[in-house]
Amino acid sequence: MAITNKEINLAQLDAELGNKGLIADLNDLSKKLILPAENSNVTEAQLEAAIAAHIAVFSQPSVEERLANAGLSLDDLKTALGL
């Protein structure tokens, strides 16, 4: 178990540890709780070292992905804008 106030991308952190499985409670931004998932063999030392080295990266969805989430395509947007 580790507690941190660092910005954490849980999927990225798990990948950095070799995809062994992590769970977290990220609701309290000053005390994020990160634990190995059940049947994970990540040690506390490995988890703490990985968190110390972790720099969270969050990718931004493309315009096409954002439009698709709204049920639109780029062509739909162009048509609506009269382009």
Protein backbone atom coordinates (compact mmCIF):
# COMPACT_ATOMS: atom_id res chain seq x y z
CA MET A 1 0.00 0.00 0.00
CA ALA A 2 1.18 3.51 -0.77
CA ILE A 3 -0.30 6.92 -0.09
CA THR A 4 0.67 9.86 -2.27
CA ASN A 5 -0.41 13.32 -3.30
CA LYS A 6 1.28 12.99 -6.73
CA GLU A 7 -0.73 13.09 -9.95
CA ILE A 8 -1.29 9.43 -10.83
CA ASN A 9 -2.35 7.79 -14.08
CA LEU A 10 -3.19 4.35 -12.67
CA ALA A 11 -3.11 2.49 -16.00
CA GLN A 12 0.26 4.04 -16.84
CA LEU A 13 1.65 3.27 -13.37
CA ASP A 14 0.52 -0.34 -13.65
CA ALA A 15 2.18 -0.62 -17.08
CA GLU A 16 5.39 0.81 -15.59
CA LEU A 17 5.28 -2.00 -13.03
CA GLY A 18 4.77 -4.69 -15.68
CA ASN A 19 0.95 -4.87 -15.72
CA LYS A 20 0.74 -6.81 -12.47
CA GLY A 21 -2.48 -5.19 -11.31
CA LEU A 22 -3.12 -2.13 -9.15
CA ILE A 23 -6.18 -0.70 -7.49
CA ALA A 24 -6.59 2.78 -6.07
CA ASP A 25 -8.77 5.23 -4.26
CA LEU A 26 -8.02 8.54 -5.95
CA ASN A 27 -10.90 10.52 -4.42
CA ASP A 28 -8.77 12.41 -1.86
CA LEU A 29 -6.26 14.34 -3.98
CA SER A 30 -3.90 14.83 -1.04
CA LYS A 31 -4.00 11.17 0.04
CA LYS A 32 -4.33 8.90 -2.98
CA LEU A 33 -4.28 5.27 -1.84
CA ILE A 34 -2.66 2.80 -4.25
CA LEU A 35 -2.54 -0.95 -3.61
CA PRO A 36 -1.60 -4.10 -5.50
CA ALA A 37 -4.70 -5.88 -6.76
CA GLU A 38 -5.60 -9.30 -5.44
CA ASN A 39 -3.10 -11.91 -6.70
CA SER A 40 -0.62 -9.20 -7.73
CA ASN A 41 2.99 -9.87 -6.78
CA VAL A 42 4.03 -6.21 -6.62
CA THR A 43 5.94 -5.52 -3.42
CA GLU A 44 5.48 -2.40 -1.35
CA ALA A 45 9.05 -1.36 -2.17
CA GLN A 46 8.42 -1.77 -5.92
CA LEU A 47 5.18 0.21 -5.66
CA GLU A 48 6.78 3.05 -3.72
CA ALA A 49 9.74 3.23 -6.12
CA ALA A 50 7.42 3.24 -9.13
CA ILE A 51 5.32 6.04 -7.64
CA ALA A 52 8.44 8.07 -6.86
CA ALA A 53 9.57 7.77 -10.51
CA HIS A 54 6.06 8.14 -12.00
CA ILE A 55 5.22 11.15 -14.15
CA ALA A 56 1.56 10.91 -15.09
CA VAL A 57 0.74 11.45 -18.75
CA PHE A 58 -2.85 11.90 -19.84
CA SER A 59 -3.54 11.88 -23.56
CA GLN A 60 -6.06 14.28 -24.98
CA PRO A 61 -8.71 12.77 -27.23
CA SER A 62 -8.57 13.88 -30.84
CA VAL A 63 -11.28 16.07 -32.36
CA GLU A 64 -12.63 13.02 -34.16
CA GLU A 65 -12.81 11.04 -30.90
CA ARG A 66 -14.61 13.87 -29.11
CA LEU A 67 -17.09 14.22 -31.95
CA ALA A 68 -17.66 10.45 -32.00
CA ASN A 69 -18.42 10.56 -28.26
CA ALA A 70 -21.13 13.09 -29.12
CA GLY A 71 -22.44 10.88 -31.92
CA LEU A 72 -21.07 13.06 -34.72
CA SER A 73 -18.45 12.81 -37.42
CA LEU A 74 -16.12 15.47 -38.78
CA ASP A 75 -18.27 15.58 -41.92
CA ASP A 76 -21.38 16.19 -39.77
CA LEU A 77 -19.64 19.14 -38.12
CA LYS A 78 -18.50 20.57 -41.46
CA THR A 79 -22.04 20.28 -42.83
CA ALA A 80 -23.49 21.97 -39.74
CA LEU A 81 -20.99 24.81 -40.11
CA GLY A 82 -21.71 25.14 -43.84
CA LEU A 83 -18.20 24.18 -44.90
